[in-house]
Each structure stands twice: as structure tokens, then as C-alpha cells.
C-alpha atoms as a PDB file:
ATOM      1  CA  GLU A   1     -24.419 159.788  -0.198  1.00  0.00           C
ATOM      2  CA  THR A   2     -24.587 163.171  -1.796  1.00  0.00           C
ATOM      3  CA  GLY A   3     -22.088 165.323  -3.684  1.00  0.00           C
ATOM      4  CA  LYS A   4     -19.985 168.140  -1.894  1.00  0.00           C
ATOM      5  CA  ILE A   5     -22.762 171.338  -1.849  1.00  0.00           C
ATOM      6  CA  THR A   6     -21.102 174.497  -2.713  1.00  0.00           C
ATOM      7  CA  CYS A   7     -24.220 176.431  -2.278  1.00  0.00           C
ATOM      8  CA  GLY A   8     -23.401 178.688  -5.234  1.00  0.00           C
ATOM      9  CA  ASP A   9     -19.915 180.042  -4.572  1.00  0.00           C
ATOM     10  CA  LEU A  10     -16.923 177.829  -3.645  1.00  0.00           C
ATOM     11  CA  SER A  11     -14.922 180.818  -3.165  1.00  0.00           C
ATOM     12  CA  ARG A  12     -16.476 182.084   0.383  1.00  0.00           C
ATOM     13  CA  ASN A  13     -16.611 180.181   3.880  1.00  0.00           C
ATOM     14  CA  LYS A  14     -20.193 179.378   4.893  1.00  0.00           C
ATOM     15  CA  LYS A  15     -21.801 179.165   8.680  1.00  0.00           C
ATOM     16  CA  PHE A  16     -23.586 175.470   7.907  1.00  0.00           C
ATOM     17  CA  SER A  17     -26.360 176.107  10.740  1.00  0.00           C
ATOM     18  CA  LYS A  18     -29.352 173.545  10.295  1.00  0.00           C
ATOM     19  CA  VAL A  19     -30.921 170.879   8.070  1.00  0.00           C
ATOM     20  CA  TYR A  20     -34.129 170.010   7.469  1.00  0.00           C
ATOM     21  CA  VAL A  21     -35.239 166.549   5.832  1.00  0.00           C
ATOM     22  CA  ASN A  22     -38.434 165.142   5.448  1.00  0.00           C
ATOM     23  CA  ILE A  23     -39.072 161.367   5.314  1.00  0.00           C
ATOM     24  CA  ASN A  24     -42.280 159.727   4.052  1.00  0.00           C
ATOM     25  CA  ASN A  25     -43.098 156.272   5.522  1.00  0.00           C
ATOM     26  CA  GLY A  26     -39.763 155.378   6.736  1.00  0.00           C
ATOM     27  CA  ALA A  27     -37.991 155.611   9.926  1.00  0.00           C
ATOM     28  CA  GLU A  28     -34.903 154.348  11.643  1.00  0.00           C
ATOM     29  CA  PHE A  29     -32.779 156.535   9.739  1.00  0.00           C
ATOM     30  CA  LYS A  30     -29.669 158.514  10.640  1.00  0.00           C
ATOM     31  CA  LEU A  31     -28.038 161.313   8.963  1.00  0.00           C
ATOM     32  CA  TYR A  32     -24.118 162.450   8.727  1.00  0.00           C
ATOM     33  CA  TYR A  33     -22.704 165.348   7.703  1.00  0.00           C
ATOM     34  CA  LYS A  34     -19.211 166.517   7.266  1.00  0.00           C
ATOM     35  CA  VAL A  35     -17.575 170.223   5.868  1.00  0.00           C
ATOM     36  CA  ASP A  36     -14.778 170.544   3.386  1.00  0.00           C
ATOM     37  CA  SER A  37     -14.108 167.010   3.143  1.00  0.00           C
ATOM     38  CA  GLY A  38     -13.409 166.470   6.827  1.00  0.00           C
ATOM     39  CA  ASP A  39     -14.647 163.482   9.162  1.00  0.00           C
ATOM     40  CA  TRP A  40     -18.457 162.372   9.189  1.00  0.00           C
ATOM     41  CA  SER A  41     -20.080 163.414  12.007  1.00  0.00           C
ATOM     42  CA  SER A  42     -22.065 161.007  14.392  1.00  0.00           C
ATOM     43  CA  GLY A  43     -25.303 160.323  13.357  1.00  0.00           C
ATOM     44  CA  ASP A  44     -28.396 161.893  13.988  1.00  0.00           C
ATOM     45  CA  THR A  45     -31.640 159.926  14.278  1.00  0.00           C
ATOM     46  CA  LEU A  46     -34.025 161.042  11.233  1.00  0.00           C
ATOM     47  CA  SER A  47     -37.667 160.472  12.232  1.00  0.00           C
ATOM     48  CA  ASN A  48     -41.126 159.959   9.651  1.00  0.00           C
ATOM     49  CA  GLY A  49     -42.137 163.769   8.645  1.00  0.00           C
ATOM     50  CA  GLU A  50     -39.959 166.320   8.747  1.00  0.00           C
ATOM     51  CA  THR A  51     -36.787 166.569  11.178  1.00  0.00           C
ATOM     52  CA  ALA A  52     -34.347 169.219  12.176  1.00  0.00           C
ATOM     53  CA  VAL A  53     -31.100 168.484  12.886  1.00  0.00           C
ATOM     54  CA  SER A  54     -28.751 170.914  13.936  1.00  0.00           C
ATOM     55  CA  LEU A  55     -25.136 171.503  12.392  1.00  0.00           C
ATOM     56  CA  GLY A  56     -23.479 173.364  15.435  1.00  0.00           C
ATOM     57  CA  SER A  57     -21.427 175.832  14.189  1.00  0.00           C
ATOM     58  CA  SER A  58     -20.082 174.098  11.397  1.00  0.00           C
ATOM     59  CA  THR A  59     -18.095 176.538   9.248  1.00  0.00           C
ATOM     60  CA  GLY A  60     -16.230 175.889   5.494  1.00  0.00           C
ATOM     61  CA  LYS A  61     -16.738 176.088   1.936  1.00  0.00           C
ATOM     62  CA  THR A  62     -18.677 172.872   1.408  1.00  0.00           C
ATOM     63  CA  ILE A  63     -20.808 170.136   2.803  1.00  0.00           C
ATOM     64  CA  GLN A  64     -21.681 166.551   2.116  1.00  0.00           C
ATOM     65  CA  PHE A  65     -24.691 164.402   3.614  1.00  0.00           C
ATOM     66  CA  LYS A  66     -24.786 160.654   4.034  1.00  0.00           C
ATOM     67  CA  ILE A  67     -28.205 159.010   5.085  1.00  0.00           C
ATOM     68  CA  GLU A  68     -28.095 155.430   6.250  1.00  0.00           C
ATOM     69  CA  SER A  69     -30.503 153.050   7.393  1.00  0.00           C
ATOM     70  CA  THR A  70     -30.510 150.815  10.433  1.00  0.00           C
ATOM     71  CA  SER A  71     -32.750 148.324   8.960  1.00  0.00           C
ATOM     72  CA  THR A  72     -34.734 147.076   6.318  1.00  0.00           C
ATOM     73  CA  ILE A  73     -36.410 149.903   4.122  1.00  0.00           C
ATOM     74  CA  ASP A  74     -39.572 149.714   3.252  1.00  0.00           C
ATOM     75  CA  ALA A  75     -40.808 149.993  -0.525  1.00  0.00           C
ATOM     76  CA  GLY A  76     -43.041 152.972  -0.126  1.00  0.00           C
ATOM     77  CA  THR A  77     -40.383 154.932   1.658  1.00  0.00           C
ATOM     78  CA  ILE A  78     -39.435 158.623   0.367  1.00  0.00           C
ATOM     79  CA  ILE A  79     -37.018 161.439   1.075  1.00  0.00           C
ATOM     80  CA  SER A  80     -38.448 163.915  -0.387  1.00  0.00           C
ATOM     81  CA  ASP A  81     -36.388 166.899   0.804  1.00  0.00           C
ATOM     82  CA  LEU A  82     -33.433 168.275   2.403  1.00  0.00           C
ATOM     83  CA  SER A  83     -33.232 172.013   3.512  1.00  0.00           C
ATOM     84  CA  LEU A  84     -30.179 173.531   4.001  1.00  0.00           C
ATOM     85  CA  ILE A  85     -30.047 176.765   6.647  1.00  0.00           C
ATOM     86  CA  TYR A  86     -26.685 178.246   6.241  1.00  0.00           C
ATOM     87  CA  ARG A  87     -25.170 181.991   5.572  1.00  0.00           C
ATOM     88  CA  ASN A  88     -22.240 183.249   4.058  1.00  0.00           C
ATOM     89  CA  LYS A  89     -19.526 184.291   5.748  1.00  0.00           C
ATOM     90  CA  ALA A  90     -17.587 187.901   4.978  1.00  0.00           C
ATOM     91  CA  ILE A  91     -14.782 187.703   2.494  1.00  0.00           C
ATOM     92  CA  LYS A  92     -11.400 188.978   5.033  1.00  0.00           C
END
């Protein structure tokens, strides 16, 4: 589970659109996310290599991720990268 990710500015709302997750030598993982301390999303299945997960139209100031496995994790499994695609919303 990550901490709250603010993308550098806690005062602005953001539209979170997609996250890319790279997993080496592993499968059977699920990615959960929540925006602004809300409820965890239903899990999206991750596969070996790069997986793109759509975050829909999630809007908020922070986002948090959790990755869980549904089976035993191999010794050589590495979650090497998590890239978040978002844009700042205009301040009203």
C-alpha cells in the first residue's frame, strides 16, 4: 500500500485517468486504488510486464494504491514501476 500521492500540490484537484504498472516475473496480482481516502476500488488484474489500468473519471486531491496477490509470490518477482497519468483541474 502506498501513502497518499499528492502529485506535488495538495491544494488542487486532479483528474486521475490511468496508471501503468510494470511487474517482472510475476502474475496473479490485483491493483486497488482510492481517491481522497474514499473506499477501495474493485481490483483490476495485473499481468506480467506492463499493464495499463484505467481509473475512469476519478477526481480528487490525493490517490492511493494497493497491490495484492491472490497466490504465493515467486522469489524473483519485482514491481519495477508505477506511472500515474493525471491532469490538474482549474482552480475555481
